[in-house]
Amino acid sequence: DNAKQLDENQKLQQLRLSLSGFIAMAEVRQVLMLKLDVENEKSAIEAYNKQLLEAGNEVSRLEKETAGKVFKEAEFNLLQEEVKQLKEEQLRVSQMIGSLKTSIELLKKNFEKRKLLLEKREVLQKKLDNLKIITNLFQGGKFVDYVSTIHLRNLCNTANDRFFKMTGQKMSLELNDSNEFMIRDYLNGGKTRSTRTLSGGQTFQASLSLALALSQGIQSQAKTGKGFFFIDEGFGSLDKDSLNVVFDTLKSLNKENRIVGVISHVEELQQEMNVFLKIENSDKTGSLIKESWNI
């Protein structure tokens, strides 16, 4: 009986070894000799079982989705070929994008260089244009004409400050392309006409305005404190109104730190002048000078 019981125990032990994945007791003894961390091994087994369960669930889901479907190797191979081609196309596009990015960066750098070169070119072009202007000015007396034009225009603008007022805001002086003085007539639609068309009084007003402007320029350049100015005749052709405007203009010059001397035969001028020298001719005594402060 004992032999039979032993034999049955050995068979049961062998069965349990097979079910546990072991072949002989020697393997079991080797495992028992290992210093295993039971808790860690237990956790690893639980994690494995969990993954196994999830994998089983995924297999079940896939089996349900593919239920009734037949695997066709030809279609599968075709899909694989399409995927391969798409990956190759993706790689080609990626390489193209990389190449384009490099080209864009290069273009940006070249654009900045071109921008700087254009700015330098603009500066150099302006210098070249200025040099051409200067070169042309010094050829054939053009520089003298250029400077003369500037001075004439400044003279004209200064003279207009008085001439426009003297004419009652009716006329002004201008220069044409030939540097000739012209009259702009505001009573005739602002049209221009020659200075030869002016009356005697108007001509005197224009001449006086230009002379005063010229004197002002000389005084400014000389930086003198006093401006001496003499007018010889030119009053006889003026009507009463024009003469009054001239009187007012001459009086205003004193406020501009100017001294004006007038030589004239017009008797009305003497009444407007506070200080004067009166010269009378005599057949017996010759010229007789009378001072205003002794009369």
Protein backbone atom coordinates (compact mmCIF):
# COMPACT_ATOMS: atom_id res chain seq x y z
CA ASP A 1 0.00 0.00 0.00
CA ASN A 2 2.80 2.39 0.86
CA ALA A 3 4.50 1.70 -2.44
CA LYS A 4 1.28 2.35 -4.26
CA GLN A 5 0.69 5.60 -2.35
CA LEU A 6 4.24 6.74 -3.11
CA ASP A 7 3.80 5.98 -6.77
CA GLU A 8 0.60 8.00 -6.87
CA ASN A 9 2.28 10.91 -5.07
CA GLN A 10 5.14 10.88 -7.54
CA LYS A 11 2.69 10.92 -10.45
CA LEU A 12 0.75 13.79 -8.85
CA GLN A 13 3.99 15.70 -8.24
CA GLN A 14 5.05 15.20 -11.85
CA LEU A 15 1.68 16.43 -13.04
CA ARG A 16 1.93 19.54 -10.90
CA LEU A 17 5.47 20.14 -12.20
CA SER A 18 4.21 19.94 -15.77
CA LEU A 19 1.34 22.29 -15.04
CA SER A 20 3.76 24.76 -13.43
CA GLY A 21 6.11 24.69 -16.41
CA PHE A 22 8.83 22.68 -14.67
CA ILE A 23 10.31 19.40 -15.85
CA ALA A 24 12.02 18.10 -12.72
CA MET A 25 12.31 18.86 -9.05
CA ALA A 26 15.87 20.08 -9.61
CA GLU A 27 14.50 23.13 -11.40
CA VAL A 28 12.16 23.80 -8.50
CA ARG A 29 15.05 23.57 -6.04
CA GLN A 30 17.06 26.07 -8.14
CA VAL A 31 14.16 28.51 -8.10
CA LEU A 32 13.72 28.14 -4.34
CA MET A 33 17.40 28.90 -3.87
CA LEU A 34 17.01 32.28 -5.64
CA LYS A 35 16.56 35.33 -3.40
CA LEU A 36 13.40 36.69 -4.95
CA ASP A 37 11.46 39.80 -3.90
CA VAL A 38 8.03 38.31 -3.60
CA GLU A 39 6.20 41.65 -3.61
CA ASN A 40 7.98 42.86 -6.76
CA GLU A 41 7.43 39.57 -8.49
CA LYS A 42 3.78 39.65 -7.50
CA SER A 43 3.41 43.18 -8.88
CA ALA A 44 5.14 42.15 -12.11
CA ILE A 45 2.81 39.18 -12.45
CA GLU A 46 -0.24 41.38 -11.86
CA ALA A 47 0.99 43.87 -14.47
CA TYR A 48 1.60 41.04 -16.91
CA ASN A 49 -1.86 39.61 -16.29
CA LYS A 50 -3.37 43.05 -16.80
CA GLN A 51 -1.54 43.51 -20.12
CA LEU A 52 -2.56 39.99 -21.10
CA LEU A 53 -6.20 40.81 -20.35
CA GLU A 54 -6.04 44.07 -22.36
CA ALA A 55 -4.41 42.22 -25.23
CA GLY A 56 -7.12 39.57 -25.09
CA ASN A 57 -9.81 42.27 -25.17
CA GLU A 58 -8.12 43.95 -28.13
CA VAL A 59 -7.94 40.59 -29.93
CA SER A 60 -11.64 40.06 -29.28
CA ARG A 61 -12.48 43.50 -30.60
CA LEU A 62 -10.44 42.93 -33.73
CA GLU A 63 -12.01 39.51 -34.24
CA LYS A 64 -15.45 41.12 -34.08
CA GLU A 65 -14.47 43.85 -36.56
CA THR A 66 -12.99 41.33 -38.97
CA ALA A 67 -15.72 38.76 -38.56
CA GLY A 68 -16.90 37.59 -41.96
CA LYS A 69 -14.08 39.33 -43.73
CA VAL A 70 -11.66 37.46 -45.92
CA PHE A 71 -7.99 38.34 -46.03
CA LYS A 72 -6.97 39.05 -49.60
CA GLU A 73 -3.24 38.98 -50.00
CA ALA A 74 -3.34 40.82 -53.36
CA GLU A 75 -5.22 43.79 -51.85
CA PHE A 76 -2.94 43.74 -48.83
CA ASN A 77 0.15 43.82 -51.04
CA LEU A 78 -1.41 46.66 -53.06
CA LEU A 79 -2.07 48.65 -49.89
CA GLN A 80 1.48 48.03 -48.72
CA GLU A 81 2.76 49.32 -52.07
CA GLU A 82 0.59 52.44 -51.77
CA VAL A 83 1.86 53.04 -48.25
CA LYS A 84 5.41 52.63 -49.47
CA GLN A 85 4.82 55.13 -52.31
CA LEU A 86 3.21 57.61 -49.90
CA LYS A 87 6.19 57.37 -47.55
CA GLU A 88 8.54 57.93 -50.48
CA GLU A 89 6.45 60.93 -51.59
CA GLN A 90 6.45 62.26 -48.04
CA LEU A 91 10.23 61.95 -47.93
CA ARG A 92 10.56 63.71 -51.30
CA VAL A 93 8.25 66.55 -50.18
CA SER A 94 10.16 66.90 -46.91
CA GLN A 95 13.43 67.15 -48.82
CA MET A 96 11.86 69.68 -51.18
CA ILE A 97 10.61 71.75 -48.22
CA GLY A 98 14.10 71.69 -46.71
CA SER A 99 15.58 72.80 -50.02
CA LEU A 100 12.99 75.58 -50.35
CA LYS A 101 13.70 76.81 -46.80
CA THR A 102 17.39 76.99 -47.66
CA SER A 103 16.58 78.90 -50.85
CA ILE A 104 14.31 81.29 -48.96
CA GLU A 105 17.04 82.06 -46.41
CA LEU A 106 19.48 82.66 -49.24
CA LEU A 107 16.99 84.94 -51.00
CA LYS A 108 16.45 86.91 -47.78
CA LYS A 109 20.19 87.45 -47.41
CA ASN A 110 20.50 88.46 -51.07
CA PHE A 111 17.52 90.81 -50.67
CA GLU A 112 19.13 92.57 -47.72
CA LYS A 113 22.38 92.86 -49.67
CA ARG A 114 20.48 94.26 -52.66
CA LYS A 115 18.67 96.72 -50.40
CA LEU A 116 21.96 98.01 -49.01
CA LEU A 117 23.46 98.22 -52.49
CA LEU A 118 20.44 100.17 -53.76
CA GLU A 119 20.73 102.61 -50.86
CA LYS A 120 24.42 103.11 -51.60
CA ARG A 121 23.61 103.46 -55.28
CA GLU A 122 21.01 106.14 -54.51
CA VAL A 123 23.54 108.10 -52.46
CA LEU A 124 26.16 107.77 -55.19
CA GLN A 125 23.61 108.71 -57.86
CA LYS A 126 22.76 111.91 -55.98
CA LYS A 127 26.45 112.73 -55.75
CA LEU A 128 26.83 112.01 -59.46
CA ASP A 129 23.84 114.23 -60.30
CA ASN A 130 25.30 117.03 -58.19
CA LEU A 131 28.68 116.63 -59.90
CA LYS A 132 26.99 116.77 -63.31
CA ILE A 133 25.17 119.95 -62.30
CA ILE A 134 28.40 121.52 -61.07
CA THR A 135 30.22 120.40 -64.23
CA ASN A 136 27.53 121.91 -66.44
CA LEU A 137 27.55 125.11 -64.38
CA PHE A 138 31.26 125.62 -64.94
CA GLN A 139 30.96 125.12 -68.69
CA GLY A 140 30.27 128.10 -70.92
CA GLY A 141 29.66 130.59 -68.12
CA LYS A 142 26.64 128.66 -66.82
CA PHE A 143 27.84 128.99 -63.25
CA VAL A 144 27.76 132.77 -63.52
CA ASP A 145 24.26 132.56 -64.99
CA TYR A 146 23.20 130.22 -62.21
CA VAL A 147 24.48 132.51 -59.44
CA SER A 148 23.06 135.56 -61.20
CA THR A 149 19.66 133.90 -61.41
CA ILE A 150 19.67 133.15 -57.68
CA HIS A 151 20.60 136.74 -56.81
CA LEU A 152 18.07 138.17 -59.23
CA ARG A 153 15.29 136.03 -57.81
CA ASN A 154 16.20 137.02 -54.27
CA LEU A 155 16.32 140.66 -55.38
CA CYS A 156 12.94 140.30 -57.08
CA ASN A 157 11.34 138.70 -54.00
CA THR A 158 12.69 141.43 -51.71
CA ALA A 159 11.60 144.18 -54.10
CA ASN A 160 8.09 142.74 -54.28
CA ASP A 161 7.59 143.36 -50.57
CA ARG A 162 7.45 147.08 -51.40
CA PHE A 163 6.32 147.07 -55.02
CA PHE A 164 3.19 145.04 -54.26
CA LYS A 165 2.28 147.52 -51.52
CA MET A 166 3.17 150.61 -53.60
CA THR A 167 0.87 149.48 -56.41
CA GLY A 168 -2.02 148.84 -54.05
CA GLN A 169 -1.68 145.03 -54.34
CA LYS A 170 -2.32 145.31 -58.07
CA MET A 171 1.05 144.24 -59.50
CA SER A 172 4.16 142.25 -58.63
CA LEU A 173 7.57 141.65 -60.19
CA GLU A 174 8.67 138.29 -61.62
CA LEU A 175 11.59 136.81 -63.56
CA ASN A 176 11.06 134.81 -66.76
CA ASP A 177 13.30 132.02 -68.02
CA SER A 178 15.58 134.59 -69.66
CA ASN A 179 16.08 136.42 -66.35
CA GLU A 180 14.06 139.41 -67.60
CA PHE A 181 11.79 141.28 -65.23
CA MET A 182 8.09 140.86 -65.95
CA ILE A 183 4.97 142.33 -64.39
CA ARG A 184 2.13 140.17 -63.10
CA ASP A 185 -1.04 142.24 -63.38
CA TYR A 186 -3.70 141.09 -60.90
CA LEU A 187 -6.27 143.44 -62.42
CA ASN A 188 -5.90 141.54 -65.68
CA GLY A 189 -6.50 138.02 -64.40
CA GLY A 190 -2.98 137.65 -63.02
CA LYS A 191 -1.43 137.61 -66.50
CA THR A 192 2.17 138.69 -67.05
CA ARG A 193 3.31 141.55 -69.28
CA SER A 194 6.52 143.39 -70.12
CA THR A 195 7.86 146.14 -67.87
CA ARG A 196 7.82 148.35 -71.00
CA THR A 197 4.04 148.55 -70.68
CA LEU A 198 4.28 150.36 -67.30
CA SER A 199 3.46 154.02 -66.98
CA GLY A 200 6.11 156.48 -65.89
CA GLY A 201 4.94 156.42 -62.29
CA GLN A 202 4.72 152.61 -62.26
CA THR A 203 8.19 152.36 -63.77
CA PHE A 204 9.56 154.58 -61.02
CA GLN A 205 7.85 152.46 -58.37
CA ALA A 206 9.39 149.29 -59.81
CA SER A 207 12.83 150.91 -60.12
CA LEU A 208 12.66 152.29 -56.58
CA SER A 209 11.64 148.90 -55.18
CA LEU A 210 14.52 147.15 -56.96
CA ALA A 211 17.01 149.82 -55.91
CA LEU A 212 15.92 149.59 -52.28
CA ALA A 213 16.15 145.80 -52.42
CA LEU A 214 19.65 146.01 -53.91
CA SER A 215 20.71 148.50 -51.25
CA GLN A 216 19.30 146.22 -48.55
CA GLY A 217 21.32 143.30 -49.88
CA ILE A 218 24.54 145.32 -49.96
CA GLN A 219 23.92 146.61 -46.45
CA SER A 220 23.28 143.07 -45.19
CA GLN A 221 26.50 141.73 -46.76
CA ALA A 222 28.57 144.67 -45.50
CA LYS A 223 26.98 144.27 -42.04
CA THR A 224 26.79 148.03 -41.66
CA GLY A 225 24.68 149.70 -39.03
CA LYS A 226 23.42 152.45 -41.37
CA GLY A 227 22.18 152.31 -44.91
CA PHE A 228 22.77 155.43 -47.04
CA PHE A 229 20.56 155.72 -50.09
CA PHE A 230 20.26 158.56 -52.64
CA ILE A 231 17.51 159.02 -55.22
CA ASP A 232 18.19 161.41 -58.10
CA GLU A 233 15.03 162.72 -59.80
CA GLY A 234 12.40 160.43 -61.19
CA PHE A 235 9.52 162.07 -59.34
CA GLY A 236 8.31 164.49 -62.01
CA SER A 237 6.32 161.84 -63.90
CA LEU A 238 4.35 160.67 -60.86
CA ASP A 239 0.73 161.59 -60.23
CA LYS A 240 -0.33 162.79 -56.80
CA ASP A 241 -1.47 159.40 -55.51
CA SER A 242 1.73 157.65 -56.64
CA LEU A 243 3.80 160.44 -55.15
CA ASN A 244 2.04 160.00 -51.79
CA VAL A 245 2.81 156.26 -51.86
CA VAL A 246 6.47 157.06 -52.57
CA PHE A 247 6.53 159.56 -49.70
CA ASP A 248 5.14 156.97 -47.31
CA THR A 249 7.68 154.43 -48.51
CA LEU A 250 10.60 156.81 -48.06
CA LYS A 251 9.40 157.74 -44.57
CA SER A 252 9.16 154.08 -43.58
CA LEU A 253 12.83 153.61 -44.48
CA ASN A 254 13.84 155.59 -41.43
CA LYS A 255 12.33 152.86 -39.28
CA GLU A 256 14.63 150.38 -41.07
CA ASN A 257 17.76 152.23 -39.93
CA ARG A 258 18.31 153.85 -43.35
CA ILE A 259 19.26 157.37 -44.38
CA VAL A 260 17.70 158.45 -47.67
CA GLY A 261 18.81 161.41 -49.72
CA VAL A 262 16.48 162.72 -52.44
CA ILE A 263 17.52 164.97 -55.31
CA SER A 264 14.49 166.45 -57.04
CA HIS A 265 12.90 169.56 -58.52
CA VAL A 266 9.43 168.62 -57.26
CA GLU A 267 8.33 171.32 -54.84
CA GLU A 268 5.93 169.01 -52.99
CA LEU A 269 8.90 166.92 -51.79
CA GLN A 270 10.24 169.83 -49.75
CA GLN A 271 7.06 169.86 -47.73
CA GLU A 272 7.50 166.19 -46.90
CA MET A 273 11.20 166.43 -45.95
CA ASN A 274 12.13 167.48 -42.42
CA VAL A 275 15.81 168.01 -43.23
CA PHE A 276 16.95 169.26 -46.62
CA LEU A 277 19.34 171.48 -48.55
CA LYS A 278 17.72 173.92 -50.98
CA ILE A 279 19.93 175.06 -53.88
CA GLU A 280 18.97 178.20 -55.85
CA ASN A 281 20.78 179.47 -58.93
CA SER A 282 21.59 183.19 -59.22
CA ASP A 283 23.19 184.95 -62.18
CA LYS A 284 24.97 187.28 -59.79
CA THR A 285 26.04 185.08 -56.92
CA GLY A 286 25.92 181.64 -58.51
CA SER A 287 24.48 178.70 -56.63
CA LEU A 288 23.06 179.53 -53.22
CA ILE A 289 22.66 176.77 -50.65
CA LYS A 290 20.05 177.11 -47.90
CA GLU A 291 19.86 174.67 -45.00
CA SER A 292 16.44 173.68 -43.65
CA TRP A 293 17.59 174.21 -40.10
CA ASN A 294 18.53 177.84 -40.90
CA ILE A 295 15.40 178.76 -42.83
